[in-house]
Protein backbone atom coordinates (compact mmCIF):
# COMPACT_ATOMS: atom_id res chain seq x y z
CA UNK A 1 13.99 28.63 -32.31
CA UNK A 2 14.52 24.91 -31.44
CA UNK A 3 11.89 22.86 -29.65
CA UNK A 4 13.47 20.91 -26.77
CA UNK A 5 11.92 18.24 -25.24
CA UNK A 6 11.72 18.96 -21.19
CA UNK A 7 10.72 16.41 -18.67
CA UNK A 8 7.23 16.97 -16.85
CA UNK A 9 9.45 17.31 -13.94
CA UNK A 10 11.96 19.85 -15.08
CA UNK A 11 8.80 22.03 -16.69
CA UNK A 12 7.03 22.12 -13.28
CA UNK A 13 10.35 23.02 -10.97
CA UNK A 14 11.15 25.82 -13.68
CA UNK A 15 7.48 26.94 -13.97
CA UNK A 16 7.30 27.59 -9.94
CA UNK A 17 10.89 29.33 -9.75
CA UNK A 18 9.50 31.51 -7.44
CA UNK A 19 9.11 29.06 -4.96
CA UNK A 20 12.91 27.35 -4.78
CA UNK A 21 14.26 25.55 -3.30
CA UNK A 22 10.65 23.56 -2.77
CA UNK A 23 10.59 23.14 -6.28
CA UNK A 24 13.64 21.29 -7.01
CA UNK A 25 13.10 18.07 -8.88
CA UNK A 26 16.15 16.04 -6.91
CA UNK A 27 15.65 16.92 -3.32
CA UNK A 28 18.07 15.47 -0.96
CA UNK A 29 16.89 17.79 2.44
CA UNK A 30 13.61 17.28 4.17
CA UNK A 31 11.04 19.55 3.58
CA UNK A 32 11.57 21.60 6.99
CA UNK A 33 15.25 22.08 5.97
CA UNK A 34 14.16 23.60 2.75
CA UNK A 35 11.10 25.42 4.14
CA UNK A 36 14.19 27.08 6.19
CA UNK A 37 16.24 28.11 3.40
CA UNK A 38 13.24 29.76 1.87
CA UNK A 39 12.21 31.70 5.02
CA UNK A 40 16.08 32.81 5.52
CA UNK A 41 16.04 34.12 1.91
CA UNK A 42 12.65 36.19 2.01
CA UNK A 43 14.02 37.74 5.39
CA UNK A 44 17.35 38.74 4.11
CA UNK A 45 15.83 39.84 0.72
CA UNK A 46 15.55 43.46 1.43
CA UNK A 47 19.62 43.81 2.06
CA UNK A 48 20.67 40.99 0.14
CA UNK A 49 19.52 41.97 -3.54
CA UNK A 50 18.81 45.39 -5.11
CA UNK A 51 15.62 46.90 -5.21
CA UNK A 52 16.42 49.13 -8.32
CA UNK A 53 15.82 47.16 -11.61
CA UNK A 54 18.36 49.71 -13.03
CA UNK A 55 21.13 48.46 -10.67
CA UNK A 56 20.69 45.14 -12.16
CA UNK A 57 24.20 43.69 -13.51
CA UNK A 58 24.56 40.05 -14.19
CA UNK A 59 27.65 39.14 -16.17
CA UNK A 60 27.54 35.80 -18.12
CA UNK A 61 30.26 34.02 -19.73
CA UNK A 62 29.30 31.26 -21.67
CA UNK A 63 31.53 28.52 -24.17
CA UNK A 64 30.67 28.97 -27.52
CA UNK A 65 28.98 26.09 -29.37
CA UNK A 66 32.23 25.70 -31.09
CA UNK A 67 34.18 25.68 -28.39
CA UNK A 68 36.58 28.45 -29.64
CA UNK A 69 36.03 31.26 -27.05
CA UNK A 70 33.79 32.37 -24.63
CA UNK A 71 30.75 34.39 -24.98
CA UNK A 72 30.17 37.50 -22.68
CA UNK A 73 26.89 39.17 -21.67
CA UNK A 74 25.93 41.37 -19.20
CA UNK A 75 22.15 40.64 -18.31
CA UNK A 76 20.39 44.06 -16.90
CA UNK A 77 16.86 42.80 -16.43
CA UNK A 78 14.54 40.05 -16.04
CA UNK A 79 13.39 39.64 -19.73
CA UNK A 80 17.07 39.82 -20.55
CA UNK A 81 17.94 36.67 -18.21
CA UNK A 82 14.91 34.80 -19.80
CA UNK A 83 15.85 35.47 -23.13
CA UNK A 84 19.79 34.40 -22.49
CA UNK A 85 18.37 31.47 -20.78
CA UNK A 86 16.45 30.29 -24.09
CA UNK A 87 12.95 30.76 -22.39
CA UNK A 88 10.31 32.15 -24.67
CA UNK A 89 7.77 31.45 -22.26
CA UNK A 90 4.99 34.01 -21.26
CA UNK A 91 1.45 34.00 -19.55
CA UNK A 92 -1.45 34.71 -21.39
CA UNK A 93 -3.46 37.51 -19.60
CA UNK A 94 -6.68 36.43 -20.92
CA UNK A 95 -6.54 32.77 -20.03
CA UNK A 96 -3.50 32.75 -17.44
CA UNK A 97 -1.91 29.56 -19.04
CA UNK A 98 1.59 29.75 -19.91
CA UNK A 99 2.44 29.92 -23.63
CA UNK A 100 5.86 29.41 -25.42
CA UNK A 101 8.91 27.56 -24.91
CA UNK A 102 10.58 27.14 -21.76
CA UNK A 103 13.81 26.18 -23.32
CA UNK A 104 15.36 27.13 -26.44
CA UNK A 105 18.84 26.61 -26.16
CA UNK A 106 21.21 23.89 -25.09
CA UNK A 107 23.16 24.54 -22.05
CA UNK A 108 26.88 25.76 -22.93
CA UNK A 109 29.71 23.34 -22.40
CA UNK A 110 31.02 26.13 -19.82
CA UNK A 111 28.97 28.40 -17.86
CA UNK A 112 30.33 31.29 -15.83
CA UNK A 113 27.90 33.66 -13.51
CA UNK A 114 29.11 36.63 -11.74
CA UNK A 115 27.06 37.95 -8.86
CA UNK A 116 28.23 40.84 -7.47
CA UNK A 117 27.55 43.83 -5.64
CA UNK A 118 30.41 47.00 -6.22
CA UNK A 119 31.47 45.85 -3.05
CA UNK A 120 30.85 43.37 -0.36
CA UNK A 121 28.63 45.69 2.00
CA UNK A 122 26.03 46.92 -0.95
CA UNK A 123 23.46 44.94 -2.04
CA UNK A 124 23.96 42.18 -5.00
CA UNK A 125 23.25 43.67 -8.66
CA UNK A 126 20.54 40.74 -8.78
CA UNK A 127 16.90 40.32 -7.67
CA UNK A 128 15.52 37.69 -5.84
CA UNK A 129 13.33 36.50 -8.85
CA UNK A 130 16.56 36.51 -10.67
CA UNK A 131 17.89 34.11 -8.70
CA UNK A 132 15.60 31.93 -7.91
CA UNK A 133 15.12 31.68 -11.86
CA UNK A 134 18.73 30.69 -12.44
CA UNK A 135 18.91 28.34 -9.65
CA UNK A 136 15.84 26.52 -10.72
CA UNK A 137 17.21 26.36 -14.33
CA UNK A 138 19.87 25.17 -13.35
CA UNK A 139 18.79 22.84 -10.63
CA UNK A 140 21.50 24.40 -8.01
CA UNK A 141 21.50 23.06 -4.63
CA UNK A 142 19.95 24.90 -1.99
CA UNK A 143 23.11 24.99 0.33
CA UNK A 144 24.47 27.79 -1.85
CA UNK A 145 21.94 30.23 -0.24
CA UNK A 146 23.96 30.00 2.90
CA UNK A 147 26.94 31.21 1.26
CA UNK A 148 25.57 34.02 -0.51
CA UNK A 149 23.65 35.37 2.41
CA UNK A 150 26.66 36.84 4.05
CA UNK A 151 26.66 39.67 1.46
CA UNK A 152 23.96 42.51 0.89
CA UNK A 153 23.93 45.87 2.50
CA UNK A 154 26.05 46.27 5.82
CA UNK A 155 27.69 48.78 7.79
CA UNK A 156 30.23 46.36 8.98
CA UNK A 157 31.55 42.53 7.48
CA UNK A 158 28.94 39.99 8.39
CA UNK A 159 29.62 36.54 9.63
CA UNK A 160 33.07 36.76 8.76
CA UNK A 161 33.24 33.42 10.99
CA UNK A 162 31.04 31.40 8.54
CA UNK A 163 32.86 29.01 6.22
CA UNK A 164 31.77 25.77 5.07
CA UNK A 165 31.87 23.01 2.50
CA UNK A 166 28.81 21.25 0.76
CA UNK A 167 28.63 18.62 -2.04
CA UNK A 168 25.89 16.82 -3.58
CA UNK A 169 26.86 13.53 -5.72
CA UNK A 170 24.76 12.01 -8.22
CA UNK A 171 26.36 9.27 -10.40
CA UNK A 172 24.18 6.38 -10.28
CA UNK A 173 22.49 6.12 -13.78
CA UNK A 174 20.30 8.60 -15.31
CA UNK A 175 17.35 7.99 -12.41
CA UNK A 176 19.88 9.63 -10.38
CA UNK A 177 19.12 13.23 -10.86
CA UNK A 178 17.23 15.37 -12.87
CA UNK A 179 17.91 14.14 -16.62
CA UNK A 180 17.33 16.68 -19.47
CA UNK A 181 18.76 15.57 -22.47
CA UNK A 182 18.00 17.95 -25.00
CA UNK A 183 19.71 20.54 -22.47
CA UNK A 184 22.73 18.29 -22.00
CA UNK A 185 22.09 17.08 -18.61
CA UNK A 186 22.43 13.24 -18.31
CA UNK A 187 21.32 13.39 -14.63
CA UNK A 188 24.77 12.22 -13.28
CA UNK A 189 26.61 14.94 -11.94
CA UNK A 190 28.02 16.45 -8.77
CA UNK A 191 27.50 19.99 -7.43
CA UNK A 192 30.07 21.64 -4.87
CA UNK A 193 29.35 24.83 -2.93
CA UNK A 194 32.19 26.13 -0.70
CA UNK A 195 33.54 29.96 0.41
CA UNK A 196 37.03 31.34 0.53
CA UNK A 197 38.70 34.42 2.44
CA UNK A 198 41.55 36.62 1.34
CA UNK A 199 42.93 39.98 3.01
CA UNK A 200 43.70 43.48 0.55
CA UNK A 201 45.32 46.17 1.94
CA UNK A 202 42.99 49.26 0.58
CA UNK A 203 45.50 52.16 1.45
CA UNK A 204 47.68 53.60 -1.09
CA UNK A 205 51.74 53.04 -0.53
CA UNK A 206 52.25 56.71 0.75
CA UNK A 207 50.07 56.05 3.82
CA UNK A 208 51.78 55.74 7.05
CA UNK A 209 52.29 51.86 8.15
CA UNK A 210 50.63 52.43 10.93
CA UNK A 211 47.77 54.05 9.32
CA UNK A 212 47.05 51.41 6.66
CA UNK A 213 43.79 49.84 5.82
CA UNK A 214 43.33 46.01 5.50
CA UNK A 215 40.05 44.52 4.42
CA UNK A 216 39.06 40.91 4.33
CA UNK A 217 37.15 39.61 1.54
CA UNK A 218 35.18 36.40 0.89
CA UNK A 219 33.71 34.66 -2.16
CA UNK A 220 31.37 32.23 -2.52
CA UNK A 221 31.40 29.35 -5.50
CA UNK A 222 29.15 26.94 -6.87
CA UNK A 223 30.28 24.31 -9.13
CA UNK A 224 28.01 21.78 -11.26
CA UNK A 225 29.66 19.30 -13.48
CA UNK A 226 27.82 16.67 -15.70
CA UNK A 227 29.94 13.71 -15.73
CA UNK A 228 28.41 12.07 -19.23
CA UNK A 229 27.92 15.37 -20.95
CA UNK A 230 30.79 17.46 -19.54
CA UNK A 231 28.80 20.45 -18.98
CA UNK A 232 30.36 22.98 -16.48
CA UNK A 233 28.41 25.25 -14.43
CA UNK A 234 30.24 28.21 -12.25
CA UNK A 235 28.47 30.52 -9.77
CA UNK A 236 30.48 33.00 -7.98
CA UNK A 237 29.32 35.68 -5.51
CA UNK A 238 31.76 38.26 -4.50
CA UNK A 239 31.62 41.83 -3.63
CA UNK A 240 33.37 42.80 -6.79
CA UNK A 241 34.41 41.33 -10.52
CA UNK A 242 37.91 41.03 -9.46
CA UNK A 243 37.68 36.90 -10.15
CA UNK A 244 35.82 37.62 -13.40
CA UNK A 245 39.41 39.14 -14.34
CA UNK A 246 41.18 36.13 -13.27
CA UNK A 247 38.65 33.64 -15.26
CA UNK A 248 38.97 35.62 -18.41
CA UNK A 249 42.67 35.78 -18.27
CA UNK A 250 42.88 32.05 -17.75
CA UNK A 251 40.15 30.90 -20.34
CA UNK A 252 40.98 33.55 -22.74
CA UNK A 253 43.48 33.17 -25.80
CA UNK A 254 46.49 33.86 -23.46
CA UNK A 255 45.77 31.26 -21.12
CA UNK A 256 47.31 28.02 -21.01
CA UNK A 257 45.63 25.47 -23.41
CA UNK A 258 44.93 22.66 -21.20
CA UNK A 259 42.89 25.10 -18.81
CA UNK A 260 40.65 26.25 -21.74
CA UNK A 261 39.96 22.57 -23.31
CA UNK A 262 36.20 21.35 -23.32
CA UNK A 263 36.21 19.32 -26.21
CA UNK A 264 35.72 16.00 -24.16
CA UNK A 265 34.17 15.47 -20.86
CA UNK A 266 37.77 14.61 -19.76
CA UNK A 267 39.14 17.94 -20.95
CA UNK A 268 36.34 19.68 -19.47
CA UNK A 269 36.88 18.02 -15.82
CA UNK A 270 40.49 18.74 -15.96
CA UNK A 271 39.63 22.29 -16.63
CA UNK A 272 37.36 22.56 -13.56
CA UNK A 273 40.21 21.71 -11.57
CA UNK A 274 42.24 24.30 -12.81
CA UNK A 275 39.65 27.05 -12.14
CA UNK A 276 39.50 25.23 -8.59
CA UNK A 277 43.11 26.09 -8.21
CA UNK A 278 42.67 29.73 -9.33
CA UNK A 279 40.59 30.19 -6.88
CA UNK A 280 42.61 28.64 -3.99
CA UNK A 281 45.58 30.59 -4.92
CA UNK A 282 43.52 33.53 -4.65
CA UNK A 283 42.66 32.85 -1.00
CA UNK A 284 46.03 32.92 -0.02
CA UNK A 285 47.37 36.38 -1.62
CA UNK A 286 48.29 38.78 0.71
CA UNK A 287 47.88 36.77 3.82
CA UNK A 288 51.72 36.80 4.53
CA UNK A 289 52.18 40.45 4.01
CA UNK A 290 48.96 41.27 6.27
CA UNK A 291 50.68 39.38 9.05
CA UNK A 292 54.09 40.97 8.64
CA UNK A 293 52.27 44.24 8.81
CA UNK A 294 50.71 43.27 12.07
CA UNK A 295 53.99 41.74 13.30
CA UNK A 296 55.25 45.61 12.37
CA UNK A 297 53.24 47.40 14.05
CA UNK A 298 52.57 45.91 17.16
CA UNK A 299 56.73 45.67 17.51
CA UNK A 300 56.69 49.40 16.73
CA UNK A 301 53.87 50.09 19.68
CA UNK A 302 54.85 47.44 22.42
CA UNK A 303 58.78 47.27 21.62
CA UNK A 304 59.59 50.07 24.43
CA UNK A 305 57.88 48.41 26.62
CA UNK A 306 60.00 45.75 26.91
CA UNK A 307 63.39 47.37 26.18
CA UNK A 308 62.38 51.04 27.29
CA UNK A 309 64.29 52.40 30.67
CA UNK A 310 61.24 52.54 33.80
CA UNK A 311 63.93 54.52 36.11
CA UNK A 312 61.98 57.78 37.55
CA UNK A 313 65.54 58.98 36.67
CA UNK A 314 65.72 58.38 33.22
CA UNK A 315 63.27 59.61 30.32
CA UNK A 316 60.82 57.08 29.71
CA UNK A 317 57.45 56.82 27.92
CA UNK A 318 54.28 57.01 29.89
CA UNK A 319 51.40 54.47 28.84
CA UNK A 320 47.59 55.61 28.85
CA UNK A 321 44.84 53.62 28.43
CA UNK A 322 44.70 54.22 24.41
CA UNK A 323 47.98 52.27 24.10
CA UNK A 324 46.13 49.30 25.67
CA UNK A 325 43.23 49.47 23.61
CA UNK A 326 45.60 49.70 20.28
CA UNK A 327 47.37 46.63 21.39
CA UNK A 328 43.79 44.65 22.17
CA UNK A 329 42.81 45.73 18.39
CA UNK A 330 45.88 44.56 16.90
CA UNK A 331 45.50 41.07 19.14
CA UNK A 332 41.72 40.76 17.59
CA UNK A 333 42.74 41.08 14.06
CA UNK A 334 45.40 38.38 14.76
CA UNK A 335 42.98 35.99 16.32
CA UNK A 336 40.44 36.74 13.36
CA UNK A 337 43.29 35.97 10.75
CA UNK A 338 44.06 32.79 12.56
CA UNK A 339 40.04 31.66 12.56
CA UNK A 340 39.96 32.79 8.81
CA UNK A 341 43.15 31.19 7.61
CA UNK A 342 42.20 27.74 9.78
CA UNK A 343 38.22 27.87 8.19
CA UNK A 344 40.45 28.04 4.52
CA UNK A 345 42.50 25.09 5.66
CA UNK A 346 39.34 23.13 6.27
CA UNK A 347 37.79 24.09 3.05
CA UNK A 348 40.37 23.47 0.96
CA UNK A 349 41.38 20.04 2.78
CA UNK A 350 37.54 19.10 2.17
CA UNK A 351 37.77 19.92 -1.58
CA UNK A 352 40.95 18.12 -2.12
CA UNK A 353 39.35 14.80 -0.14
CA UNK A 354 36.14 15.38 -2.30
CA UNK A 355 38.17 14.85 -5.30
CA UNK A 356 40.31 12.07 -3.70
CA UNK A 357 37.12 10.36 -2.95
CA UNK A 358 35.72 10.40 -6.45
CA UNK A 359 38.79 8.24 -7.53
CA UNK A 360 37.52 5.34 -5.42
CA UNK A 361 33.81 6.13 -6.45
CA UNK A 362 33.21 3.15 -9.16
CA UNK A 363 30.56 5.52 -10.69
CA UNK A 364 32.86 7.82 -11.63
CA UNK A 365 33.88 7.77 -15.18
CA UNK A 366 37.34 9.60 -15.07
CA UNK A 367 38.81 7.60 -11.99
CA UNK A 368 41.37 6.03 -14.64
CA UNK A 369 42.15 8.48 -16.89
CA UNK A 370 41.93 11.24 -14.57
CA UNK A 371 43.85 9.96 -11.84
CA UNK A 372 47.29 11.61 -12.77
CA UNK A 373 45.74 15.09 -12.78
CA UNK A 374 43.54 14.70 -9.45
CA UNK A 375 46.75 13.47 -7.95
CA UNK A 376 48.71 16.85 -9.54
CA UNK A 377 45.44 18.55 -7.94
CA UNK A 378 45.72 17.23 -4.32
CA UNK A 379 49.34 18.06 -4.55
CA UNK A 380 49.11 21.82 -5.46
CA UNK A 381 46.09 21.93 -2.88
CA UNK A 382 48.13 20.35 0.14
CA UNK A 383 51.06 22.80 -0.88
CA UNK A 384 48.51 26.06 -0.38
CA UNK A 385 47.14 24.21 2.68
CA UNK A 386 50.55 23.75 3.85
CA UNK A 387 51.60 27.58 3.29
CA UNK A 388 48.28 28.69 4.86
CA UNK A 389 49.17 26.74 8.07
CA UNK A 390 52.73 28.13 8.20
CA UNK A 391 50.90 31.86 8.15
CA UNK A 392 48.66 30.14 10.94
CA UNK A 393 51.23 28.97 13.23
CA UNK A 394 52.97 32.08 12.52
CA UNK A 395 49.99 34.35 13.63
CA UNK A 396 49.37 32.16 16.49
CA UNK A 397 52.86 32.80 17.91
CA UNK A 398 51.93 36.86 17.29
CA UNK A 399 48.99 36.48 19.64
CA UNK A 400 51.01 34.99 22.28
CA UNK A 401 53.69 37.82 21.83
CA UNK A 402 50.86 40.50 21.93
CA UNK A 403 49.35 39.22 24.96
CA UNK A 404 52.52 38.86 26.85
CA UNK A 405 53.18 42.54 25.70
CA UNK A 406 49.79 43.81 26.76
CA UNK A 407 50.02 42.26 30.24
CA UNK A 408 53.37 44.46 30.43
CA UNK A 409 51.86 47.58 29.27
CA UNK A 410 49.20 46.99 31.64
CA UNK A 411 51.68 46.21 34.50
CA UNK A 412 53.56 49.59 33.39
CA UNK A 413 49.83 51.31 33.78
CA UNK A 414 49.66 50.03 37.41
CA UNK A 415 53.05 51.15 37.92
CA UNK A 416 52.64 54.46 36.92
CA UNK A 417 49.24 54.96 38.80
CA UNK A 418 51.09 53.57 42.18
CA UNK A 419 53.73 56.24 41.52
CA UNK A 420 51.14 59.06 41.11
CA UNK A 421 49.48 57.67 44.52
CA UNK A 422 52.67 57.71 45.83
CA UNK A 423 53.59 61.45 45.02
CA UNK A 424 50.04 62.12 46.11
CA UNK A 425 50.29 60.54 49.41
CA UNK A 426 53.75 62.36 50.07
CA UNK A 427 51.92 65.42 49.08
CA UNK A 428 49.29 64.56 51.45
CA UNK A 429 51.67 64.06 54.37
CA UNK A 430 53.30 67.45 53.98
CA UNK A 431 50.15 69.00 54.00
CA UNK A 432 49.28 66.81 57.32
CA UNK A 433 52.21 67.75 58.94
CA UNK A 434 51.69 71.90 58.30
CA UNK A 435 48.11 71.13 59.36
CA UNK A 436 49.18 69.85 62.35
CA UNK A 437 51.69 72.56 63.41
CA UNK A 438 49.14 74.69 62.54
CA UNK A 439 46.64 72.94 65.09
CA UNK A 440 49.59 73.02 67.70
CA UNK A 441 50.22 76.79 67.36
CA UNK A 442 46.08 77.33 67.52
CA UNK A 443 45.86 75.03 70.40
CA UNK A 444 48.74 77.19 72.24
CA UNK A 445 46.51 80.85 71.35
CA UNK A 446 43.66 79.13 72.37
CA UNK A 447 45.07 78.57 75.88
CA UNK A 448 46.72 81.44 75.96
CA UNK A 449 43.72 83.38 75.44
CA UNK A 450 41.33 81.10 77.71
CA UNK A 451 43.95 81.98 80.52
CA UNK A 452 44.14 85.80 79.79
CA UNK A 453 40.45 86.16 78.81
CA UNK A 454 39.40 86.20 82.64
CA UNK A 455 41.80 88.73 83.73
CA UNK A 456 41.22 90.84 80.63
CA UNK A 457 37.31 90.72 81.17
CA UNK A 458 37.85 91.77 85.08
CA UNK A 459 40.22 94.38 84.56
CA UNK A 460 37.85 95.88 82.17
CA UNK A 461 34.95 95.70 84.41
CA UNK A 462 36.67 97.06 87.34
CA UNK A 463 38.23 99.82 85.12
CA UNK A 464 34.16 101.20 84.60
CA UNK A 465 32.52 103.34 86.82
CA UNK A 466 30.63 100.58 88.24
CA UNK A 467 33.41 100.10 91.47
CA UNK A 468 35.39 102.84 92.59
CA UNK A 469 38.75 102.31 94.66
CA UNK A 470 40.92 104.93 92.94
CA UNK A 471 41.68 108.22 95.23
CA UNK A 472 41.58 111.28 93.83
CA UNK A 473 45.72 112.05 94.57
CA UNK A 474 47.22 112.97 91.44
CA UNK A 475 50.08 111.00 92.41
CA UNK A 476 47.94 107.86 92.42
CA UNK A 477 47.79 105.16 95.10
CA UNK A 478 47.94 101.42 95.80
CA UNK A 479 44.54 99.83 96.92
CA UNK A 480 44.98 96.52 98.93
CA UNK A 481 41.53 95.95 99.01
CA UNK A 482 41.00 96.60 94.93
CA UNK A 483 44.06 94.14 94.38
CA UNK A 484 42.17 91.51 96.38
CA UNK A 485 38.79 91.68 95.27
CA UNK A 486 40.74 91.36 91.62
CA UNK A 487 42.28 88.10 92.51
CA UNK A 488 39.27 87.16 94.17
CA UNK A 489 37.34 87.39 91.21
CA UNK A 490 40.03 86.64 88.48
CA UNK A 491 41.31 83.42 89.37
CA UNK A 492 38.05 81.49 90.24
CA UNK A 493 36.63 82.85 86.77
CA UNK A 494 39.87 81.60 85.23
CA UNK A 495 39.50 78.12 86.61
CA UNK A 496 35.97 78.15 85.79
CA UNK A 497 36.51 78.78 82.18
CA UNK A 498 39.33 76.38 81.65
CA UNK A 499 37.27 73.63 83.14
CA UNK A 500 34.26 74.68 81.16
CA UNK A 501 36.63 74.62 78.10
CA UNK A 502 37.88 71.34 78.99
CA UNK A 503 34.50 69.83 79.56
CA UNK A 504 33.49 70.92 76.16
CA UNK A 505 36.42 69.26 75.00
CA UNK A 506 35.66 65.80 76.82
CA UNK A 507 32.06 66.07 75.55
CA UNK A 508 32.78 66.91 71.96
CA UNK A 509 35.24 63.90 72.33
CA UNK A 510 33.11 61.52 73.31
CA UNK A 511 30.51 62.13 70.61
CA UNK A 512 32.87 61.66 68.33
CA UNK A 513 33.91 58.46 69.02
CA UNK A 514 30.43 57.30 69.41
CA UNK A 515 29.48 58.40 65.55
CA UNK A 516 32.79 56.59 64.82
CA UNK A 517 31.53 53.42 66.68
CA UNK A 518 28.43 53.52 65.20
CA UNK A 519 29.78 53.77 61.48
CA UNK A 520 32.21 50.84 61.97
CA UNK A 521 30.62 48.73 64.64
CA UNK A 522 32.78 46.06 63.96
CA UNK A 523 35.88 47.95 64.60
CA UNK A 524 34.60 49.35 67.73
CA UNK A 525 34.16 45.80 69.09
CA UNK A 526 37.46 44.83 68.01
CA UNK A 527 38.88 47.60 69.93
CA UNK A 528 36.88 46.77 72.73
CA UNK A 529 38.11 43.19 72.54
């Protein structure tokens, strides 16, 4: 076991790893900012990290000391992580003092740490203590916490709109950063944190085009590079291990020699540029096909709205509110794609600007020898940015097309509603005419009844035994007196009945008008005016 000379500042920082990020040796943020990071980390811990130690799975990929190949190690617990980092210390139960060496291994020339979850909506397969231990041991800038906070247990993708690029550059002598020479850290280094997003189809090839499902996947990257020692650190947080496979392919025996050369600090720097390009190319995959799919399904769903017949005499499609909802969903997905692609462009542009800025930094030792490599790196990033911008323009045009066709479908829905109202009004008009005819007929019947009712009543009354005008002659006889009495009673009674009926009608009519005036006072005033 090798005994390494560690600065007291680093010892205190690592021993207090649970207080991260307050324990960092080099603090470029105010204390209140660091406390904010710590509070957010503690608040999100239950959903962000796994609570089961049997679910811990943290892959490491370290370059061997001779630089010949990478060594892979799957960390399955806290103690295994300590051993892999070279921490042989422990707490004496009697004295509560720390005994043993905090560090016994020099940092590998290149280290990849893959933090993953199985998929992007499950807790990360790492505990909070393991994360803070790693970030304290490697003195990782606290800004990386913002990027991994989008992961963890969730029912829907969280914070897809968040994107960013953070950097920390300490190139001015050993006093600029936490120099730990026995670990291979000169104190002159830079750190980068950023995230990128890609899209992938999660349906099989036999699924109908309209029913295909797509998933937006994000990854958070941390990169640390020591400009004197060439020591490189990568931390990649993603839902699955897709990027791990790509890194293995690039740095394995079948990869390009220049991408896995770590002999000198200059070669380490050039290899780090290749890893950035790997992540950048990953972020552009399948966006073209996703937008193509959106174009196809939108055209399939809305083309009939533009070219289909609307004449009532022809066969046509009747739209429903569900059609409008589908089109709105496609528009939301397209707007989301525009936002994410533009965010990727901003991150990649910032990455390119950072490395171009290093060329102007007089404290950067590779500004001459690696000038052409940075120029080639910038050119490739610019190509990726250009291709991404073309997809942004394409998606923005699709948003406009969807908006226009959504308006057209809405007009069709309104037209269909108007046609139904017209049909209903016509039916109501026919029913009204029939009711009017029936009312006229009933009125005639009522008038006739009123006319004949008194006469019928008088005739019936006179036929009773109350009044006798008939003689006992078998041949019958005419009684002028009876006729006169019938007329004297019937005509006045008929006039009285008609008059009372007319009076009742007028009273009811006035009562109706009074009620209408009370319900619509302004209309009544207008009528009076």
